[in-house]
Amino acid sequence: MEILAWENVKHQPLLGGGFCLLDLRPQWLLAGLRPLLITEVAERAYSPGSLPRAERLGTLGRRRRKPARSMRHILIACAILLLTFGGATSQDKMPPSNRLTISHIADDFAIDRLADPAWEGTSQVLVSKYWSGKAAAKGREFSAKLLWSDTALYVRFEASQSEPLVVNENPDTSQKTVGLWDRDVCEIFIAPNTSQRKKYFEFEIAPTGEWIDLAIDATSQKRKTDLEYKSGMTSAARIEKDKVVMAIKIPWEAFGVARPKIGDVWLGNLFRCVGKGKTRGYLAWQPTKTAKPNFHVPEKFGEFEFVK
């Protein structure tokens, strides 16, 4: 039988008399869960010695019997309080849907270590919507994880694969593959300067490990793409049963700005192109909601926050 310390209990008086107790232990709140309503104090085994004397002899000490209807009113009031308090707590703990945190790692590792333990220490975002905002067909969703070190940015994609791959028969990973976007790929767009979101970088990787890096300038009416841009990125990929795992590593020098610090926020988006013909799918973390599939909408970029 569990004993709850008094400091983890909220004694909440109710209008019209009566009271309820809320379990405020940190593991409930940190997990984003609503506080546990305690309706029967005796069954929770609060030891008399763990409660302040005033409370022991006061409200908690008076075990007055109430009619069943009155007790129901108390429980309803407690439930309302619980929903209000718990909802606010959960909302405060949940990150915005347009923000992805990137955890810092002390030690670098080779990008072909797709199952490196470091990947387990960062948050993951699941992308299951098309660029239009509509739900993608089952088996086309993908997830992404990002890490950062003092030297580079790491991006790992894990994509469901329930249909034939659309890839090059003779891939060449020694150089960038122009036109890679016409095949199965996962992509990340990154704008390091939040005040210049229309100047960003595009990085793509295919299930074959093929890659491409591009510098984009959309500040004028006509978007400019630098095909000669060289980021120094490295890539790795592995095709497994019903899924594809892909990863890229980009040195900070590729972005032309100082490497980020803890608390910095960059902008960007995550995408996937899968399939071919009329059923080809275009998934987006932050849907661009254009009339036709279009990823180049910096106004819709989400936020990448660099954390410890």
C-alpha atoms as a PDB file:
ATOM      1  CA  MET A   1       0.000   0.000   0.000  1.00  0.00           C
ATOM      2  CA  GLU A   2       1.508   3.311  -1.102  1.00  0.00           C
ATOM      3  CA  ILE A   3       2.045   6.200   1.346  1.00  0.00           C
ATOM      4  CA  LEU A   4       1.890   9.666  -0.254  1.00  0.00           C
ATOM      5  CA  ALA A   5       3.878  12.456   1.374  1.00  0.00           C
ATOM      6  CA  TRP A   6       1.824  15.497   2.319  1.00  0.00           C
ATOM      7  CA  GLU A   7       3.825  17.825   0.075  1.00  0.00           C
ATOM      8  CA  ASN A   8       2.586  15.830  -2.925  1.00  0.00           C
ATOM      9  CA  VAL A   9      -1.049  16.305  -2.002  1.00  0.00           C
ATOM     10  CA  LYS A  10      -3.220  19.314  -2.801  1.00  0.00           C
ATOM     11  CA  HIS A  11      -6.068  19.857  -0.307  1.00  0.00           C
ATOM     12  CA  GLN A  12      -8.733  21.648  -2.374  1.00  0.00           C
ATOM     13  CA  PRO A  13     -11.782  23.068  -0.541  1.00  0.00           C
ATOM     14  CA  LEU A  14     -15.047  23.111  -2.450  1.00  0.00           C
ATOM     15  CA  LEU A  15     -17.869  25.612  -2.548  1.00  0.00           C
ATOM     16  CA  GLY A  16     -20.667  24.611  -0.235  1.00  0.00           C
ATOM     17  CA  GLY A  17     -18.356  22.610   2.046  1.00  0.00           C
ATOM     18  CA  GLY A  18     -16.360  19.483   1.627  1.00  0.00           C
ATOM     19  CA  PHE A  19     -12.991  19.009   0.014  1.00  0.00           C
ATOM     20  CA  CYS A  20     -11.074  16.864  -2.428  1.00  0.00           C
ATOM     21  CA  LEU A  21      -7.441  15.847  -2.667  1.00  0.00           C
ATOM     22  CA  LEU A  22      -5.220  15.796  -5.736  1.00  0.00           C
ATOM     23  CA  ASP A  23      -2.127  13.636  -6.151  1.00  0.00           C
ATOM     24  CA  LEU A  24       0.572  16.033  -7.346  1.00  0.00           C
ATOM     25  CA  ARG A  25       3.570  13.729  -7.423  1.00  0.00           C
ATOM     26  CA  PRO A  26       6.194  14.947  -9.978  1.00  0.00           C
ATOM     27  CA  GLN A  27       6.079  11.752 -12.011  1.00  0.00           C
ATOM     28  CA  TRP A  28       2.428  12.474 -12.836  1.00  0.00           C
ATOM     29  CA  LEU A  29       3.019  16.084 -13.815  1.00  0.00           C
ATOM     30  CA  LEU A  30       6.279  15.562 -15.731  1.00  0.00           C
ATOM     31  CA  ALA A  31       4.645  12.867 -17.785  1.00  0.00           C
ATOM     32  CA  GLY A  32       2.003  15.392 -18.821  1.00  0.00           C
ATOM     33  CA  LEU A  33      -0.695  13.407 -17.021  1.00  0.00           C
ATOM     34  CA  ARG A  34      -3.573  14.896 -15.109  1.00  0.00           C
ATOM     35  CA  PRO A  35      -3.281  14.863 -11.292  1.00  0.00           C
ATOM     36  CA  LEU A  36      -4.883  11.814  -9.747  1.00  0.00           C
ATOM     37  CA  LEU A  37      -8.111  12.543  -7.919  1.00  0.00           C
ATOM     38  CA  ILE A  38      -8.125  10.990  -4.480  1.00  0.00           C
ATOM     39  CA  THR A  39     -11.703  10.401  -3.394  1.00  0.00           C
ATOM     40  CA  GLU A  40     -11.212   8.079  -0.458  1.00  0.00           C
ATOM     41  CA  VAL A  41      -8.472   9.292   1.848  1.00  0.00           C
ATOM     42  CA  ALA A  42      -8.646   6.298   4.143  1.00  0.00           C
ATOM     43  CA  GLU A  43      -7.966   3.818   1.356  1.00  0.00           C
ATOM     44  CA  ARG A  44      -4.875   5.752   0.241  1.00  0.00           C
ATOM     45  CA  ALA A  45      -3.319   4.949   3.636  1.00  0.00           C
ATOM     46  CA  TYR A  46      -2.238   8.399   4.702  1.00  0.00           C
ATOM     47  CA  SER A  47      -0.382   7.871   7.949  1.00  0.00           C
ATOM     48  CA  PRO A  48      -1.423  10.355  10.643  1.00  0.00           C
ATOM     49  CA  GLY A  49       2.210  11.239  11.262  1.00  0.00           C
ATOM     50  CA  SER A  50       2.688  12.457   7.682  1.00  0.00           C
ATOM     51  CA  LEU A  51      -0.009  15.162   7.996  1.00  0.00           C
ATOM     52  CA  PRO A  52       0.362  18.513   9.760  1.00  0.00           C
ATOM     53  CA  ARG A  53      -1.267  18.497  13.225  1.00  0.00           C
ATOM     54  CA  ALA A  54      -3.715  21.254  12.303  1.00  0.00           C
ATOM     55  CA  GLU A  55      -4.948  19.262   9.346  1.00  0.00           C
ATOM     56  CA  ARG A  56      -4.919  16.021  11.322  1.00  0.00           C
ATOM     57  CA  LEU A  57      -7.178  17.477  13.939  1.00  0.00           C
ATOM     58  CA  GLY A  58      -9.106  19.717  11.592  1.00  0.00           C
ATOM     59  CA  THR A  59     -10.770  19.032   8.266  1.00  0.00           C
ATOM     60  CA  LEU A  60      -9.183  15.635   7.721  1.00  0.00           C
ATOM     61  CA  GLY A  61      -9.880  14.592  11.262  1.00  0.00           C
ATOM     62  CA  ARG A  62     -13.604  15.260  10.989  1.00  0.00           C
ATOM     63  CA  ARG A  63     -15.000  12.255   9.211  1.00  0.00           C
ATOM     64  CA  ARG A  64     -18.564  13.481   8.937  1.00  0.00           C
ATOM     65  CA  ARG A  65     -21.028  11.269   7.185  1.00  0.00           C
ATOM     66  CA  LYS A  66     -22.808  12.942   4.278  1.00  0.00           C
ATOM     67  CA  PRO A  67     -25.826  11.844   2.319  1.00  0.00           C
ATOM     68  CA  ALA A  68     -25.040  10.023  -0.911  1.00  0.00           C
ATOM     69  CA  ARG A  69     -26.374  12.921  -2.984  1.00  0.00           C
ATOM     70  CA  SER A  70     -24.053  15.376  -1.254  1.00  0.00           C
ATOM     71  CA  MET A  71     -21.105  13.064  -1.876  1.00  0.00           C
ATOM     72  CA  ARG A  72     -22.003  12.867  -5.551  1.00  0.00           C
ATOM     73  CA  HIS A  73     -21.986  16.647  -5.731  1.00  0.00           C
ATOM     74  CA  ILE A  74     -18.532  16.716  -4.166  1.00  0.00           C
ATOM     75  CA  LEU A  75     -17.196  14.136  -6.603  1.00  0.00           C
ATOM     76  CA  ILE A  76     -18.634  16.022  -9.573  1.00  0.00           C
ATOM     77  CA  ALA A  77     -17.030  19.247  -8.369  1.00  0.00           C
ATOM     78  CA  CYS A  78     -13.719  17.419  -7.885  1.00  0.00           C
ATOM     79  CA  ALA A  79     -13.927  16.035 -11.394  1.00  0.00           C
ATOM     80  CA  ILE A  80     -14.495  19.516 -12.840  1.00  0.00           C
ATOM     81  CA  LEU A  81     -11.546  20.852 -10.878  1.00  0.00           C
ATOM     82  CA  LEU A  82      -9.424  17.918 -12.007  1.00  0.00           C
ATOM     83  CA  LEU A  83     -10.215  18.442 -15.680  1.00  0.00           C
ATOM     84  CA  THR A  84      -9.462  22.159 -15.449  1.00  0.00           C
ATOM     85  CA  PHE A  85      -6.234  21.777 -13.498  1.00  0.00           C
ATOM     86  CA  GLY A  86      -5.040  18.686 -15.346  1.00  0.00           C
ATOM     87  CA  GLY A  87      -5.775  20.105 -18.792  1.00  0.00           C
ATOM     88  CA  ALA A  88      -3.749  23.216 -18.079  1.00  0.00           C
ATOM     89  CA  THR A  89      -0.856  21.128 -16.745  1.00  0.00           C
ATOM     90  CA  SER A  90      -0.772  18.861 -19.788  1.00  0.00           C
ATOM     91  CA  GLN A  91      -0.987  21.778 -22.166  1.00  0.00           C
ATOM     92  CA  ASP A  92       1.929  23.512 -20.457  1.00  0.00           C
ATOM     93  CA  LYS A  93       4.111  20.402 -20.823  1.00  0.00           C
ATOM     94  CA  MET A  94       3.322  19.656 -24.467  1.00  0.00           C
ATOM     95  CA  PRO A  95       5.582  21.308 -27.069  1.00  0.00           C
ATOM     96  CA  PRO A  96       3.880  23.257 -29.872  1.00  0.00           C
ATOM     97  CA  SER A  97       2.993  21.141 -32.904  1.00  0.00           C
ATOM     98  CA  ASN A  98       5.209  23.312 -35.098  1.00  0.00           C
ATOM     99  CA  ARG A  99       8.350  22.904 -32.974  1.00  0.00           C
ATOM    100  CA  LEU A 100      10.852  20.046 -32.901  1.00  0.00           C
ATOM    101  CA  THR A 101      13.582  19.923 -30.276  1.00  0.00           C
ATOM    102  CA  ILE A 102      17.080  18.820 -31.268  1.00  0.00           C
ATOM    103  CA  SER A 103      19.147  17.213 -28.512  1.00  0.00           C
ATOM    104  CA  HIS A 104      22.873  17.850 -28.179  1.00  0.00           C
ATOM    105  CA  ILE A 105      25.430  15.040 -28.167  1.00  0.00           C
ATOM    106  CA  ALA A 106      28.957  15.300 -26.825  1.00  0.00           C
ATOM    107  CA  ASP A 107      30.527  12.751 -29.144  1.00  0.00           C
ATOM    108  CA  ASP A 108      30.225  12.534 -32.914  1.00  0.00           C
ATOM    109  CA  PHE A 109      29.643   9.247 -34.693  1.00  0.00           C
ATOM    110  CA  ALA A 110      29.699   7.975 -38.272  1.00  0.00           C
ATOM    111  CA  ILE A 111      26.399   8.492 -40.068  1.00  0.00           C
ATOM    112  CA  ASP A 112      26.251   4.866 -41.186  1.00  0.00           C
ATOM    113  CA  ARG A 113      25.630   3.875 -37.566  1.00  0.00           C
ATOM    114  CA  LEU A 114      21.892   4.031 -38.106  1.00  0.00           C
ATOM    115  CA  ALA A 115      21.159   2.273 -34.813  1.00  0.00           C
ATOM    116  CA  ASP A 116      23.596   4.267 -32.689  1.00  0.00           C
ATOM    117  CA  PRO A 117      22.308   4.654 -29.089  1.00  0.00           C
ATOM    118  CA  ALA A 118      22.513   8.432 -29.462  1.00  0.00           C
ATOM    119  CA  TRP A 119      19.368   8.361 -31.591  1.00  0.00           C
ATOM    120  CA  GLU A 120      17.387   7.108 -28.592  1.00  0.00           C
ATOM    121  CA  GLY A 121      18.092  10.273 -26.637  1.00  0.00           C
ATOM    122  CA  THR A 122      16.197  12.751 -28.777  1.00  0.00           C
ATOM    123  CA  SER A 123      12.598  13.515 -29.603  1.00  0.00           C
ATOM    124  CA  GLN A 124      10.852  12.119 -32.659  1.00  0.00           C
ATOM    125  CA  VAL A 125       8.228  13.619 -34.927  1.00  0.00           C
ATOM    126  CA  LEU A 126       5.794  11.450 -36.875  1.00  0.00           C
ATOM    127  CA  VAL A 127       4.631  12.807 -40.228  1.00  0.00           C
ATOM    128  CA  SER A 128       1.394  11.309 -41.519  1.00  0.00           C
ATOM    129  CA  LYS A 129      -0.154  14.122 -43.563  1.00  0.00           C
ATOM    130  CA  TYR A 130       0.186  15.170 -47.174  1.00  0.00           C
ATOM    131  CA  TRP A 131       1.275  18.679 -48.128  1.00  0.00           C
ATOM    132  CA  SER A 132      -2.442  19.557 -48.360  1.00  0.00           C
ATOM    133  CA  GLY A 133      -3.064  18.727 -44.705  1.00  0.00           C
ATOM    134  CA  LYS A 134      -5.081  15.595 -45.523  1.00  0.00           C
ATOM    135  CA  ALA A 135      -4.156  12.283 -43.923  1.00  0.00           C
ATOM    136  CA  ALA A 136      -1.680  10.250 -45.960  1.00  0.00           C
ATOM    137  CA  ALA A 137      -2.474   6.715 -47.065  1.00  0.00           C
ATOM    138  CA  LYS A 138      -1.545   4.076 -44.497  1.00  0.00           C
ATOM    139  CA  GLY A 139       1.961   2.755 -45.033  1.00  0.00           C
ATOM    140  CA  ARG A 140       3.356   6.070 -46.262  1.00  0.00           C
ATOM    141  CA  GLU A 141       4.062   7.827 -42.966  1.00  0.00           C
ATOM    142  CA  PHE A 142       7.583   8.572 -41.784  1.00  0.00           C
ATOM    143  CA  SER A 143       9.318   9.765 -38.650  1.00  0.00           C
ATOM    144  CA  ALA A 144      12.333  12.001 -38.165  1.00  0.00           C
ATOM    145  CA  LYS A 145      14.884  12.521 -35.403  1.00  0.00           C
ATOM    146  CA  LEU A 146      17.475  15.278 -35.229  1.00  0.00           C
ATOM    147  CA  LEU A 147      20.682  15.559 -33.195  1.00  0.00           C
ATOM    148  CA  TRP A 148      23.386  18.185 -33.022  1.00  0.00           C
ATOM    149  CA  SER A 149      26.987  18.222 -31.869  1.00  0.00           C
ATOM    150  CA  ASP A 150      29.652  20.897 -31.807  1.00  0.00           C
ATOM    151  CA  THR A 151      30.588  19.950 -35.369  1.00  0.00           C
ATOM    152  CA  ALA A 152      27.463  18.809 -37.232  1.00  0.00           C
ATOM    153  CA  LEU A 153      23.716  18.347 -37.576  1.00  0.00           C
ATOM    154  CA  TYR A 154      22.371  14.788 -37.778  1.00  0.00           C
ATOM    155  CA  VAL A 155      19.030  13.850 -39.352  1.00  0.00           C
ATOM    156  CA  ARG A 156      17.529  10.351 -39.337  1.00  0.00           C
ATOM    157  CA  PHE A 157      14.421   9.326 -41.268  1.00  0.00           C
ATOM    158  CA  GLU A 158      12.502   6.099 -40.790  1.00  0.00           C
ATOM    159  CA  ALA A 159       9.866   5.616 -43.494  1.00  0.00           C
ATOM    160  CA  SER A 160       7.185   2.956 -43.807  1.00  0.00           C
ATOM    161  CA  GLN A 161       7.436   1.150 -47.124  1.00  0.00           C
ATOM    162  CA  SER A 162       4.419  -0.910 -48.198  1.00  0.00           C
ATOM    163  CA  GLU A 163       4.749  -0.354 -51.953  1.00  0.00           C
ATOM    164  CA  PRO A 164       7.465  -0.871 -54.578  1.00  0.00           C
ATOM    165  CA  LEU A 165      10.430   1.478 -54.252  1.00  0.00           C
ATOM    166  CA  VAL A 166      10.963   4.187 -56.845  1.00  0.00           C
ATOM    167  CA  VAL A 167      14.762   4.401 -56.980  1.00  0.00           C
ATOM    168  CA  ASN A 168      17.716   4.438 -59.346  1.00  0.00           C
ATOM    169  CA  GLU A 169      18.804   1.034 -60.607  1.00  0.00           C
ATOM    170  CA  ASN A 170      22.451   2.127 -60.602  1.00  0.00           C
ATOM    171  CA  PRO A 171      22.865   4.596 -57.750  1.00  0.00           C
ATOM    172  CA  ASP A 172      25.990   6.716 -57.388  1.00  0.00           C
ATOM    173  CA  THR A 173      26.557   7.998 -53.854  1.00  0.00           C
ATOM    174  CA  SER A 174      29.919   9.593 -54.621  1.00  0.00           C
ATOM    175  CA  GLN A 175      28.279  12.805 -55.833  1.00  0.00           C
ATOM    176  CA  LYS A 176      24.960  14.618 -55.634  1.00  0.00           C
ATOM    177  CA  THR A 177      22.166  13.249 -57.810  1.00  0.00           C
ATOM    178  CA  VAL A 178      20.302  16.036 -59.601  1.00  0.00           C
ATOM    179  CA  GLY A 179      16.647  15.186 -60.070  1.00  0.00           C
ATOM    180  CA  LEU A 180      16.576  12.927 -57.027  1.00  0.00           C
ATOM    181  CA  TRP A 181      13.286  14.571 -56.019  1.00  0.00           C
ATOM    182  CA  ASP A 182      11.527  12.657 -58.812  1.00  0.00           C
ATOM    183  CA  ARG A 183      12.099   9.380 -56.928  1.00  0.00           C
ATOM    184  CA  ASP A 184      11.472   8.185 -53.377  1.00  0.00           C
ATOM    185  CA  VAL A 185      13.185  10.621 -51.030  1.00  0.00           C
ATOM    186  CA  CYS A 186      13.026  12.200 -47.594  1.00  0.00           C
ATOM    187  CA  GLU A 187      13.960  15.860 -47.314  1.00  0.00           C
ATOM    188  CA  ILE A 188      14.759  18.566 -44.816  1.00  0.00           C
ATOM    189  CA  PHE A 189      14.694  22.309 -45.515  1.00  0.00           C
ATOM    190  CA  ILE A 190      16.636  24.511 -43.084  1.00  0.00           C
ATOM    191  CA  ALA A 191      16.691  28.307 -42.720  1.00  0.00           C
ATOM    192  CA  PRO A 192      19.369  29.260 -40.139  1.00  0.00           C
ATOM    193  CA  ASN A 193      18.305  32.901 -39.951  1.00  0.00           C
ATOM    194  CA  THR A 194      14.745  33.383 -38.659  1.00  0.00           C
ATOM    195  CA  SER A 195      14.652  36.879 -40.116  1.00  0.00           C
ATOM    196  CA  GLN A 196      15.527  35.561 -43.586  1.00  0.00           C
ATOM    197  CA  ARG A 197      13.390  32.449 -43.896  1.00  0.00           C
ATOM    198  CA  LYS A 198      13.371  32.726 -47.684  1.00  0.00           C
ATOM    199  CA  LYS A 199      17.066  31.879 -47.761  1.00  0.00           C
ATOM    200  CA  TYR A 200      17.326  28.219 -46.884  1.00  0.00           C
ATOM    201  CA  PHE A 201      19.037  24.933 -47.680  1.00  0.00           C
ATOM    202  CA  GLU A 202      17.557  21.716 -49.027  1.00  0.00           C
ATOM    203  CA  PHE A 203      18.941  18.267 -48.258  1.00  0.00           C
ATOM    204  CA  GLU A 204      17.523  15.040 -49.702  1.00  0.00           C
ATOM    205  CA  ILE A 205      18.308  11.367 -49.270  1.00  0.00           C
ATOM    206  CA  ALA A 206      16.971   8.302 -51.082  1.00  0.00           C
ATOM    207  CA  PRO A 207      16.608   4.683 -49.915  1.00  0.00           C
ATOM    208  CA  THR A 208      19.698   3.920 -52.007  1.00  0.00           C
ATOM    209  CA  GLY A 209      21.807   6.396 -50.020  1.00  0.00           C
ATOM    210  CA  GLU A 210      21.866   8.869 -52.915  1.00  0.00           C
ATOM    211  CA  TRP A 211      21.733  12.484 -51.856  1.00  0.00           C
ATOM    212  CA  ILE A 212      21.568  16.060 -53.016  1.00  0.00           C
ATOM    213  CA  ASP A 213      22.236  19.405 -51.333  1.00  0.00           C
ATOM    214  CA  LEU A 214      20.937  22.753 -52.618  1.00  0.00           C
ATOM    215  CA  ALA A 215      21.057  26.390 -51.558  1.00  0.00           C
ATOM    216  CA  ILE A 216      17.777  28.214 -52.154  1.00  0.00           C
ATOM    217  CA  ASP A 217      17.071  31.936 -52.437  1.00  0.00           C
ATOM    218  CA  ALA A 218      13.364  32.732 -52.681  1.00  0.00           C
ATOM    219  CA  THR A 219      13.597  36.403 -51.760  1.00  0.00           C
ATOM    220  CA  SER A 220      12.740  37.494 -55.308  1.00  0.00           C
ATOM    221  CA  GLN A 221       9.678  36.562 -57.331  1.00  0.00           C
ATOM    222  CA  LYS A 222      11.606  33.773 -59.051  1.00  0.00           C
ATOM    223  CA  ARG A 223      13.214  31.183 -56.790  1.00  0.00           C
ATOM    224  CA  LYS A 224      16.952  30.668 -57.366  1.00  0.00           C
ATOM    225  CA  THR A 225      18.580  27.278 -56.799  1.00  0.00           C
ATOM    226  CA  ASP A 226      22.335  26.846 -56.494  1.00  0.00           C
ATOM    227  CA  LEU A 227      23.135  23.396 -57.882  1.00  0.00           C
ATOM    228  CA  GLU A 228      26.856  23.962 -57.331  1.00  0.00           C
ATOM    229  CA  TYR A 229      26.434  24.329 -53.588  1.00  0.00           C
ATOM    230  CA  LYS A 230      28.641  21.935 -51.627  1.00  0.00           C
ATOM    231  CA  SER A 231      27.668  21.267 -48.041  1.00  0.00           C
ATOM    232  CA  GLY A 232      30.044  18.417 -47.267  1.00  0.00           C
ATOM    233  CA  MET A 233      27.105  16.252 -46.161  1.00  0.00           C
ATOM    234  CA  THR A 234      27.434  12.486 -45.772  1.00  0.00           C
ATOM    235  CA  SER A 235      24.635   9.929 -46.033  1.00  0.00           C
ATOM    236  CA  ALA A 236      23.678   6.339 -45.254  1.00  0.00           C
ATOM    237  CA  ALA A 237      20.576   4.218 -45.852  1.00  0.00           C
ATOM    238  CA  ARG A 238      19.286   0.726 -45.236  1.00  0.00           C
ATOM    239  CA  ILE A 239      16.248  -0.982 -46.767  1.00  0.00           C
ATOM    240  CA  GLU A 240      14.513  -3.274 -44.288  1.00  0.00           C
ATOM    241  CA  LYS A 241      11.269  -5.242 -44.255  1.00  0.00           C
ATOM    242  CA  ASP A 242       8.385  -2.779 -44.638  1.00  0.00           C
ATOM    243  CA  LYS A 243      10.560   0.253 -43.911  1.00  0.00           C
ATOM    244  CA  VAL A 244      13.547   2.305 -45.004  1.00  0.00           C
ATOM    245  CA  VAL A 245      16.026   3.981 -42.646  1.00  0.00           C
ATOM    246  CA  MET A 246      18.030   6.950 -43.969  1.00  0.00           C
ATOM    247  CA  ALA A 247      20.350   9.451 -42.312  1.00  0.00           C
ATOM    248  CA  ILE A 248      22.454  12.463 -43.212  1.00  0.00           C
ATOM    249  CA  LYS A 249      25.155  14.425 -41.411  1.00  0.00           C
ATOM    250  CA  ILE A 250      25.775  18.082 -42.273  1.00  0.00           C
ATOM    251  CA  PRO A 251      28.755  20.082 -40.933  1.00  0.00           C
ATOM    252  CA  TRP A 252      27.923  23.523 -39.547  1.00  0.00           C
ATOM    253  CA  GLU A 253      30.180  25.164 -42.130  1.00  0.00           C
ATOM    254  CA  ALA A 254      27.540  24.266 -44.724  1.00  0.00           C
ATOM    255  CA  PHE A 255      25.163  26.929 -43.431  1.00  0.00           C
ATOM    256  CA  GLY A 256      27.493  29.919 -43.635  1.00  0.00           C
ATOM    257  CA  VAL A 257      26.669  31.042 -40.080  1.00  0.00           C
ATOM    258  CA  ALA A 258      27.975  30.358 -36.607  1.00  0.00           C
ATOM    259  CA  ARG A 259      26.926  27.011 -35.189  1.00  0.00           C
ATOM    260  CA  PRO A 260      23.861  27.228 -32.953  1.00  0.00           C
ATOM    261  CA  LYS A 261      23.867  27.550 -29.184  1.00  0.00           C
ATOM    262  CA  ILE A 262      21.535  25.958 -26.677  1.00  0.00           C
ATOM    263  CA  GLY A 263      18.209  27.763 -26.903  1.00  0.00           C
ATOM    264  CA  ASP A 264      18.660  28.918 -30.497  1.00  0.00           C
ATOM    265  CA  VAL A 265      15.819  28.348 -32.951  1.00  0.00           C
ATOM    266  CA  TRP A 266      16.188  27.748 -36.675  1.00  0.00           C
ATOM    267  CA  LEU A 267      13.364  27.288 -39.163  1.00  0.00           C
ATOM    268  CA  GLY A 268      12.559  24.506 -41.589  1.00  0.00           C
ATOM    269  CA  ASN A 269      10.364  21.644 -42.690  1.00  0.00           C
ATOM    270  CA  LEU A 270      10.454  17.879 -43.246  1.00  0.00           C
ATOM    271  CA  PHE A 271       9.093  16.079 -46.298  1.00  0.00           C
ATOM    272  CA  ARG A 272       8.756  12.771 -48.073  1.00  0.00           C
ATOM    273  CA  CYS A 273       8.020  11.897 -51.697  1.00  0.00           C
ATOM    274  CA  VAL A 274       6.837   8.330 -52.256  1.00  0.00           C
ATOM    275  CA  GLY A 275       5.305   6.349 -55.109  1.00  0.00           C
ATOM    276  CA  LYS A 276       4.791   7.365 -58.705  1.00  0.00           C
ATOM    277  CA  GLY A 277       2.193   8.497 -61.196  1.00  0.00           C
ATOM    278  CA  LYS A 278      -1.207   9.730 -60.068  1.00  0.00           C
ATOM    279  CA  THR A 279      -0.855   8.065 -56.678  1.00  0.00           C
ATOM    280  CA  ARG A 280       2.504   9.668 -55.841  1.00  0.00           C
ATOM    281  CA  GLY A 281       2.428  11.046 -52.294  1.00  0.00           C
ATOM    282  CA  TYR A 282       3.931  14.272 -50.961  1.00  0.00           C
ATOM    283  CA  LEU A 283       4.079  14.301 -47.153  1.00  0.00           C
ATOM    284  CA  ALA A 284       4.940  17.332 -45.047  1.00  0.00           C
ATOM    285  CA  TRP A 285       5.579  17.887 -41.329  1.00  0.00           C
ATOM    286  CA  GLN A 286       4.144  21.388 -41.683  1.00  0.00           C
ATOM    287  CA  PRO A 287       1.600  21.168 -44.527  1.00  0.00           C
ATOM    288  CA  THR A 288       2.126  23.904 -47.116  1.00  0.00           C
ATOM    289  CA  LYS A 289      -1.521  23.740 -48.227  1.00  0.00           C
ATOM    290  CA  THR A 290      -0.840  24.897 -51.774  1.00  0.00           C
ATOM    291  CA  ALA A 291      -3.191  24.089 -54.645  1.00  0.00           C
ATOM    292  CA  LYS A 292      -0.651  21.644 -56.112  1.00  0.00           C
ATOM    293  CA  PRO A 293       2.183  19.832 -54.302  1.00  0.00           C
ATOM    294  CA  ASN A 294       4.816  22.403 -53.424  1.00  0.00           C
ATOM    295  CA  PHE A 295       7.363  22.161 -50.627  1.00  0.00           C
ATOM    296  CA  HIS A 296       8.960  25.548 -51.238  1.00  0.00           C
ATOM    297  CA  VAL A 297       6.738  27.604 -48.943  1.00  0.00           C
ATOM    298  CA  PRO A 298       9.018  29.099 -46.259  1.00  0.00           C
ATOM    299  CA  GLU A 299       6.050  30.911 -44.719  1.00  0.00           C
ATOM    300  CA  LYS A 300       4.934  27.502 -43.437  1.00  0.00           C
ATOM    301  CA  PHE A 301       8.267  26.510 -41.887  1.00  0.00           C
ATOM    302  CA  GLY A 302       8.215  25.070 -38.393  1.00  0.00           C
ATOM    303  CA  GLU A 303      10.819  25.629 -35.679  1.00  0.00           C
ATOM    304  CA  PHE A 304      13.897  23.591 -34.794  1.00  0.00           C
ATOM    305  CA  GLU A 305      14.982  24.304 -31.224  1.00  0.00           C
ATOM    306  CA  PHE A 306      18.478  23.334 -30.102  1.00  0.00           C
ATOM    307  CA  VAL A 307      18.460  21.946 -26.556  1.00  0.00           C
ATOM    308  CA  LYS A 308      20.862  20.143 -24.226  1.00  0.00           C
END
